[in-house]
Amino acid sequence: MVSMLNTRVSPTEIIVRLAGELMVDGVTHPVAAAVARAARIHALAAPTPFAARLGIDELSLRRAESGVVSFDQLPAAYLAFVDGIEVAVDLVSLRELASAIDGRSEPVTERVGVVLAFPAMVGESVA
């Protein structure tokens, strides 16, 4: 299957980068939204069929993808789907990142700061 997550970049790194963009855009729970969006992108599915595949209603899917629900409130079907991706997704690091972001006291306003803050979470060096 060809999808966004079948690249040389790890799926975890893709999710972290997407979460950074969503955080800058003001999404309340950017890591949860990034996990939800990445799952559907990986499946190459439209919202309605993907919701059916996960066994959730479309409203739950849309709430997850928009970052209304926290990482810990994501439907279990999302985490099971992401955990089943051929290339391992580091859900522990993503949960820790979600907790750190959800507990932040100040909004992130610059993309540069976000990009530089995340590489250590996925094992890259910032040189």
N, C-alpha and C. Protein backbone atom coordinates (compact mmCIF):
# COMPACT_ATOMS: atom_id res chain seq x y z
N MET A 1 0.85 -1.18 0.00
CA MET A 1 0.00 0.00 0.00
C MET A 1 0.89 1.24 0.00
N VAL A 2 0.58 2.18 -0.82
CA VAL A 2 1.32 3.44 -0.86
C VAL A 2 0.53 4.46 -0.06
N SER A 3 1.20 5.11 0.87
CA SER A 3 0.54 6.16 1.64
C SER A 3 1.58 7.10 2.19
N MET A 4 1.12 8.15 2.83
CA MET A 4 2.01 9.13 3.41
C MET A 4 2.95 8.48 4.42
N LEU A 5 2.52 7.47 5.11
CA LEU A 5 3.32 6.88 6.16
C LEU A 5 4.31 5.84 5.65
N ASN A 6 4.30 5.53 4.36
CA ASN A 6 5.28 4.61 3.79
C ASN A 6 6.40 5.41 3.15
N THR A 7 7.17 6.07 3.99
CA THR A 7 8.29 6.89 3.54
C THR A 7 9.51 6.53 4.36
N ARG A 8 10.63 7.16 4.07
CA ARG A 8 11.82 6.95 4.89
C ARG A 8 11.71 7.65 6.23
N VAL A 9 10.80 8.57 6.36
CA VAL A 9 10.57 9.27 7.61
C VAL A 9 9.65 8.40 8.45
N SER A 10 9.96 8.27 9.73
CA SER A 10 9.14 7.40 10.57
C SER A 10 7.73 7.98 10.73
N PRO A 11 6.74 7.11 10.89
CA PRO A 11 5.38 7.59 11.11
C PRO A 11 5.27 8.48 12.34
N THR A 12 6.04 8.15 13.38
CA THR A 12 6.01 8.98 14.59
C THR A 12 6.48 10.39 14.28
N GLU A 13 7.54 10.51 13.49
CA GLU A 13 8.05 11.83 13.14
C GLU A 13 7.04 12.61 12.32
N ILE A 14 6.37 11.95 11.41
CA ILE A 14 5.34 12.62 10.61
C ILE A 14 4.23 13.14 11.52
N ILE A 15 3.81 12.32 12.47
CA ILE A 15 2.75 12.74 13.40
C ILE A 15 3.21 13.91 14.26
N VAL A 16 4.46 13.86 14.73
CA VAL A 16 4.99 14.95 15.55
C VAL A 16 5.05 16.24 14.74
N ARG A 17 5.51 16.15 13.51
CA ARG A 17 5.57 17.36 12.66
C ARG A 17 4.18 17.93 12.41
N LEU A 18 3.22 17.06 12.12
CA LEU A 18 1.85 17.51 11.92
C LEU A 18 1.30 18.13 13.20
N ALA A 19 1.59 17.53 14.34
CA ALA A 19 1.14 18.08 15.62
C ALA A 19 1.72 19.48 15.84
N GLY A 20 2.98 19.67 15.44
CA GLY A 20 3.58 21.01 15.56
C GLY A 20 2.85 22.04 14.75
N GLU A 21 2.49 21.69 13.53
CA GLU A 21 1.73 22.61 12.68
C GLU A 21 0.36 22.90 13.29
N LEU A 22 -0.29 21.86 13.80
CA LEU A 22 -1.62 22.04 14.39
C LEU A 22 -1.55 22.87 15.67
N MET A 23 -0.47 22.69 16.44
CA MET A 23 -0.31 23.48 17.66
C MET A 23 -0.18 24.95 17.32
N VAL A 24 0.61 25.26 16.32
CA VAL A 24 0.77 26.66 15.91
C VAL A 24 -0.56 27.22 15.41
N ASP A 25 -1.36 26.37 14.79
CA ASP A 25 -2.67 26.81 14.29
C ASP A 25 -3.70 26.95 15.41
N GLY A 26 -3.31 26.62 16.65
CA GLY A 26 -4.21 26.83 17.79
C GLY A 26 -5.12 25.66 18.11
N VAL A 27 -4.85 24.48 17.55
CA VAL A 27 -5.66 23.30 17.86
C VAL A 27 -5.46 22.94 19.33
N THR A 28 -6.53 22.66 20.03
CA THR A 28 -6.48 22.39 21.47
C THR A 28 -5.67 21.15 21.81
N HIS A 29 -5.86 20.07 21.08
CA HIS A 29 -5.15 18.81 21.32
C HIS A 29 -4.47 18.38 20.02
N PRO A 30 -3.35 19.02 19.69
CA PRO A 30 -2.72 18.79 18.39
C PRO A 30 -2.18 17.38 18.17
N VAL A 31 -1.67 16.73 19.21
CA VAL A 31 -1.12 15.38 19.01
C VAL A 31 -2.25 14.41 18.72
N ALA A 32 -3.34 14.51 19.45
CA ALA A 32 -4.50 13.64 19.20
C ALA A 32 -5.02 13.86 17.79
N ALA A 33 -5.13 15.11 17.38
CA ALA A 33 -5.61 15.42 16.03
C ALA A 33 -4.65 14.86 14.98
N ALA A 34 -3.36 14.98 15.23
CA ALA A 34 -2.37 14.48 14.27
C ALA A 34 -2.43 12.96 14.15
N VAL A 35 -2.60 12.27 15.28
CA VAL A 35 -2.73 10.81 15.25
C VAL A 35 -3.97 10.42 14.45
N ALA A 36 -5.08 11.10 14.71
CA ALA A 36 -6.33 10.78 14.02
C ALA A 36 -6.21 11.04 12.52
N ARG A 37 -5.63 12.18 12.16
CA ARG A 37 -5.48 12.50 10.74
C ARG A 37 -4.52 11.56 10.05
N ALA A 38 -3.41 11.24 10.71
CA ALA A 38 -2.43 10.33 10.11
C ALA A 38 -3.02 8.94 9.89
N ALA A 39 -3.85 8.50 10.80
CA ALA A 39 -4.47 7.18 10.63
C ALA A 39 -5.31 7.14 9.37
N ARG A 40 -6.13 8.16 9.18
CA ARG A 40 -7.00 8.18 8.00
C ARG A 40 -6.19 8.38 6.72
N ILE A 41 -5.16 9.21 6.79
CA ILE A 41 -4.29 9.41 5.62
C ILE A 41 -3.63 8.08 5.25
N HIS A 42 -3.14 7.38 6.25
CA HIS A 42 -2.48 6.09 6.00
C HIS A 42 -3.45 5.11 5.35
N ALA A 43 -4.70 5.15 5.76
CA ALA A 43 -5.71 4.24 5.21
C ALA A 43 -6.19 4.69 3.83
N LEU A 44 -5.82 5.91 3.43
CA LEU A 44 -6.28 6.47 2.15
C LEU A 44 -7.81 6.41 2.05
N ALA A 45 -8.46 6.84 3.11
CA ALA A 45 -9.91 6.71 3.19
C ALA A 45 -10.58 8.06 3.43
N ALA A 46 -11.78 8.18 2.90
CA ALA A 46 -12.63 9.34 3.18
C ALA A 46 -13.20 9.17 4.60
N PRO A 47 -13.69 10.26 5.19
CA PRO A 47 -14.17 10.19 6.58
C PRO A 47 -15.23 9.12 6.85
N THR A 48 -16.27 9.08 6.04
CA THR A 48 -17.37 8.14 6.32
C THR A 48 -16.93 6.69 6.29
N PRO A 49 -16.25 6.22 5.23
CA PRO A 49 -15.82 4.83 5.25
C PRO A 49 -14.78 4.52 6.32
N PHE A 50 -13.93 5.50 6.64
CA PHE A 50 -12.93 5.23 7.67
C PHE A 50 -13.57 5.12 9.04
N ALA A 51 -14.55 5.97 9.31
CA ALA A 51 -15.28 5.87 10.58
C ALA A 51 -15.94 4.49 10.69
N ALA A 52 -16.55 4.04 9.61
CA ALA A 52 -17.17 2.72 9.62
C ALA A 52 -16.13 1.62 9.85
N ARG A 53 -14.98 1.76 9.22
CA ARG A 53 -13.90 0.78 9.38
C ARG A 53 -13.44 0.69 10.84
N LEU A 54 -13.39 1.85 11.51
CA LEU A 54 -12.98 1.87 12.90
C LEU A 54 -14.11 1.48 13.85
N GLY A 55 -15.34 1.48 13.35
CA GLY A 55 -16.48 1.16 14.20
C GLY A 55 -16.90 2.32 15.09
N ILE A 56 -16.66 3.56 14.60
CA ILE A 56 -17.06 4.75 15.34
C ILE A 56 -17.96 5.59 14.44
N ASP A 57 -18.68 6.52 15.04
CA ASP A 57 -19.53 7.38 14.22
C ASP A 57 -18.68 8.51 13.62
N GLU A 58 -19.18 9.09 12.55
CA GLU A 58 -18.42 10.12 11.83
C GLU A 58 -18.18 11.36 12.68
N LEU A 59 -19.10 11.69 13.58
CA LEU A 59 -18.90 12.84 14.46
C LEU A 59 -17.68 12.61 15.36
N SER A 60 -17.53 11.41 15.88
CA SER A 60 -16.36 11.10 16.72
C SER A 60 -15.07 11.24 15.90
N LEU A 61 -15.11 10.79 14.66
CA LEU A 61 -13.95 10.92 13.78
C LEU A 61 -13.62 12.40 13.57
N ARG A 62 -14.60 13.19 13.26
CA ARG A 62 -14.36 14.61 13.01
C ARG A 62 -13.87 15.34 14.26
N ARG A 63 -14.40 14.97 15.42
CA ARG A 63 -13.95 15.58 16.68
C ARG A 63 -12.49 15.22 16.95
N ALA A 64 -12.12 13.98 16.68
CA ALA A 64 -10.74 13.54 16.89
C ALA A 64 -9.81 14.29 15.94
N GLU A 65 -10.17 14.35 14.67
CA GLU A 65 -9.32 15.00 13.68
C GLU A 65 -9.21 16.50 13.87
N SER A 66 -10.19 17.10 14.52
CA SER A 66 -10.14 18.56 14.74
C SER A 66 -9.44 18.91 16.05
N GLY A 67 -9.08 17.90 16.86
CA GLY A 67 -8.37 18.17 18.10
C GLY A 67 -9.26 18.57 19.25
N VAL A 68 -10.53 18.25 19.17
CA VAL A 68 -11.46 18.57 20.25
C VAL A 68 -11.26 17.61 21.42
N VAL A 69 -10.87 16.37 21.12
CA VAL A 69 -10.66 15.38 22.18
C VAL A 69 -9.16 15.22 22.44
N SER A 70 -8.81 14.91 23.67
CA SER A 70 -7.41 14.73 24.04
C SER A 70 -6.91 13.36 23.58
N PHE A 71 -5.62 13.16 23.66
CA PHE A 71 -5.01 11.89 23.28
C PHE A 71 -5.65 10.74 24.06
N ASP A 72 -5.81 10.93 25.35
CA ASP A 72 -6.37 9.87 26.19
C ASP A 72 -7.86 9.62 25.92
N GLN A 73 -8.52 10.55 25.24
CA GLN A 73 -9.93 10.39 24.91
C GLN A 73 -10.16 9.88 23.49
N LEU A 74 -9.07 9.68 22.73
CA LEU A 74 -9.23 9.14 21.38
C LEU A 74 -9.91 7.78 21.45
N PRO A 75 -10.83 7.50 20.54
CA PRO A 75 -11.42 6.16 20.52
C PRO A 75 -10.30 5.11 20.41
N ALA A 76 -10.41 4.05 21.16
CA ALA A 76 -9.40 2.99 21.18
C ALA A 76 -9.12 2.45 19.78
N ALA A 77 -10.11 2.50 18.92
CA ALA A 77 -9.93 2.00 17.55
C ALA A 77 -8.83 2.76 16.81
N TYR A 78 -8.69 4.06 17.09
CA TYR A 78 -7.62 4.84 16.46
C TYR A 78 -6.26 4.32 16.87
N LEU A 79 -6.08 4.16 18.19
CA LEU A 79 -4.77 3.72 18.68
C LEU A 79 -4.46 2.31 18.20
N ALA A 80 -5.45 1.46 18.14
CA ALA A 80 -5.24 0.10 17.63
C ALA A 80 -4.84 0.14 16.16
N PHE A 81 -5.50 1.00 15.39
CA PHE A 81 -5.17 1.12 13.96
C PHE A 81 -3.75 1.62 13.79
N VAL A 82 -3.41 2.70 14.48
CA VAL A 82 -2.08 3.29 14.35
C VAL A 82 -1.02 2.31 14.85
N ASP A 83 -1.31 1.61 15.93
CA ASP A 83 -0.36 0.64 16.47
C ASP A 83 -0.13 -0.51 15.50
N GLY A 84 -1.07 -0.75 14.61
CA GLY A 84 -0.95 -1.83 13.65
C GLY A 84 -0.26 -1.46 12.34
N ILE A 85 0.16 -0.20 12.21
CA ILE A 85 0.87 0.22 11.00
C ILE A 85 2.19 -0.54 10.93
N GLU A 86 2.54 -0.98 9.72
CA GLU A 86 3.71 -1.85 9.53
C GLU A 86 4.98 -1.30 10.18
N VAL A 87 5.22 -0.02 10.02
CA VAL A 87 6.39 0.61 10.63
C VAL A 87 5.94 1.14 11.98
N ALA A 88 6.62 0.78 13.02
CA ALA A 88 6.18 1.09 14.38
C ALA A 88 5.96 2.59 14.61
N VAL A 89 4.86 2.88 15.28
CA VAL A 89 4.56 4.23 15.73
C VAL A 89 4.80 4.23 17.23
N ASP A 90 5.55 5.19 17.72
CA ASP A 90 5.89 5.25 19.14
C ASP A 90 4.77 5.96 19.91
N LEU A 91 3.76 5.19 20.31
CA LEU A 91 2.60 5.77 20.99
C LEU A 91 2.98 6.30 22.38
N VAL A 92 3.97 5.72 23.02
CA VAL A 92 4.39 6.21 24.34
C VAL A 92 4.93 7.63 24.22
N SER A 93 5.82 7.86 23.26
CA SER A 93 6.36 9.21 23.06
C SER A 93 5.27 10.19 22.66
N LEU A 94 4.34 9.73 21.82
CA LEU A 94 3.25 10.61 21.41
C LEU A 94 2.36 10.97 22.60
N ARG A 95 2.09 10.01 23.48
CA ARG A 95 1.28 10.28 24.68
C ARG A 95 2.01 11.31 25.57
N GLU A 96 3.34 11.14 25.75
CA GLU A 96 4.11 12.08 26.56
C GLU A 96 4.10 13.48 25.94
N LEU A 97 4.24 13.54 24.62
CA LEU A 97 4.20 14.82 23.93
C LEU A 97 2.83 15.47 24.08
N ALA A 98 1.78 14.68 23.95
CA ALA A 98 0.43 15.21 24.12
C ALA A 98 0.24 15.79 25.51
N SER A 99 0.72 15.09 26.52
CA SER A 99 0.61 15.59 27.90
C SER A 99 1.36 16.90 28.08
N ALA A 100 2.56 16.97 27.51
CA ALA A 100 3.36 18.20 27.62
C ALA A 100 2.68 19.37 26.92
N ILE A 101 2.15 19.11 25.74
CA ILE A 101 1.51 20.19 24.98
C ILE A 101 0.19 20.59 25.63
N ASP A 102 -0.60 19.63 26.05
CA ASP A 102 -1.89 19.95 26.66
C ASP A 102 -1.71 20.72 27.96
N GLY A 103 -0.57 20.54 28.63
CA GLY A 103 -0.33 21.22 29.89
C GLY A 103 0.40 22.54 29.75
N ARG A 104 0.66 22.98 28.51
CA ARG A 104 1.41 24.22 28.31
C ARG A 104 0.61 25.42 28.81
N SER A 105 1.33 26.41 29.31
CA SER A 105 0.65 27.59 29.84
C SER A 105 0.60 28.73 28.84
N GLU A 106 1.49 28.72 27.87
CA GLU A 106 1.53 29.80 26.89
C GLU A 106 1.32 29.24 25.49
N PRO A 107 0.58 29.92 24.65
CA PRO A 107 0.38 29.43 23.28
C PRO A 107 1.67 29.52 22.47
N VAL A 108 1.83 28.60 21.57
CA VAL A 108 2.98 28.63 20.66
C VAL A 108 2.61 29.54 19.51
N THR A 109 3.51 30.46 19.18
CA THR A 109 3.18 31.43 18.13
C THR A 109 4.13 31.39 16.95
N GLU A 110 5.24 30.66 17.06
CA GLU A 110 6.20 30.63 15.98
C GLU A 110 6.48 29.21 15.53
N ARG A 111 6.36 28.95 14.24
CA ARG A 111 6.63 27.62 13.70
C ARG A 111 8.08 27.19 13.92
N VAL A 112 9.01 28.12 13.84
CA VAL A 112 10.42 27.77 14.01
C VAL A 112 10.64 27.13 15.37
N GLY A 113 10.06 27.69 16.41
CA GLY A 113 10.21 27.13 17.74
C GLY A 113 9.63 25.74 17.84
N VAL A 114 8.54 25.48 17.16
CA VAL A 114 7.92 24.17 17.19
C VAL A 114 8.80 23.16 16.49
N VAL A 115 9.29 23.50 15.33
CA VAL A 115 10.12 22.57 14.57
C VAL A 115 11.37 22.20 15.36
N LEU A 116 11.98 23.16 16.02
CA LEU A 116 13.20 22.89 16.77
C LEU A 116 12.93 22.16 18.07
N ALA A 117 11.73 22.25 18.60
CA ALA A 117 11.42 21.61 19.87
C ALA A 117 11.16 20.12 19.72
N PHE A 118 10.74 19.66 18.56
CA PHE A 118 10.30 18.28 18.42
C PHE A 118 11.34 17.25 18.00
N PRO A 119 12.40 17.57 17.26
CA PRO A 119 13.27 16.50 16.78
C PRO A 119 13.82 15.58 17.86
N ALA A 120 14.10 16.09 19.04
CA ALA A 120 14.64 15.24 20.10
C ALA A 120 13.65 14.15 20.50
N MET A 121 12.38 14.37 20.27
CA MET A 121 11.37 13.37 20.60
C MET A 121 11.45 12.18 19.67
N VAL A 122 12.01 12.35 18.48
CA VAL A 122 12.06 11.26 17.51
C VAL A 122 13.48 10.86 17.15
N GLY A 123 14.45 11.29 17.96
CA GLY A 123 15.81 10.83 17.77
C GLY A 123 16.65 11.56 16.74
N GLU A 124 16.21 12.70 16.25
CA GLU A 124 17.00 13.48 15.30
C GLU A 124 17.85 14.47 16.06
N SER A 125 18.92 14.86 15.47
CA SER A 125 19.71 15.95 16.07
C SER A 125 19.36 17.24 15.35
N VAL A 126 19.43 18.31 16.07
CA VAL A 126 19.18 19.62 15.48
C VAL A 126 20.54 20.27 15.28
N ALA A 127 21.02 20.22 14.05
CA ALA A 127 22.35 20.76 13.79
C ALA A 127 22.27 22.00 12.94
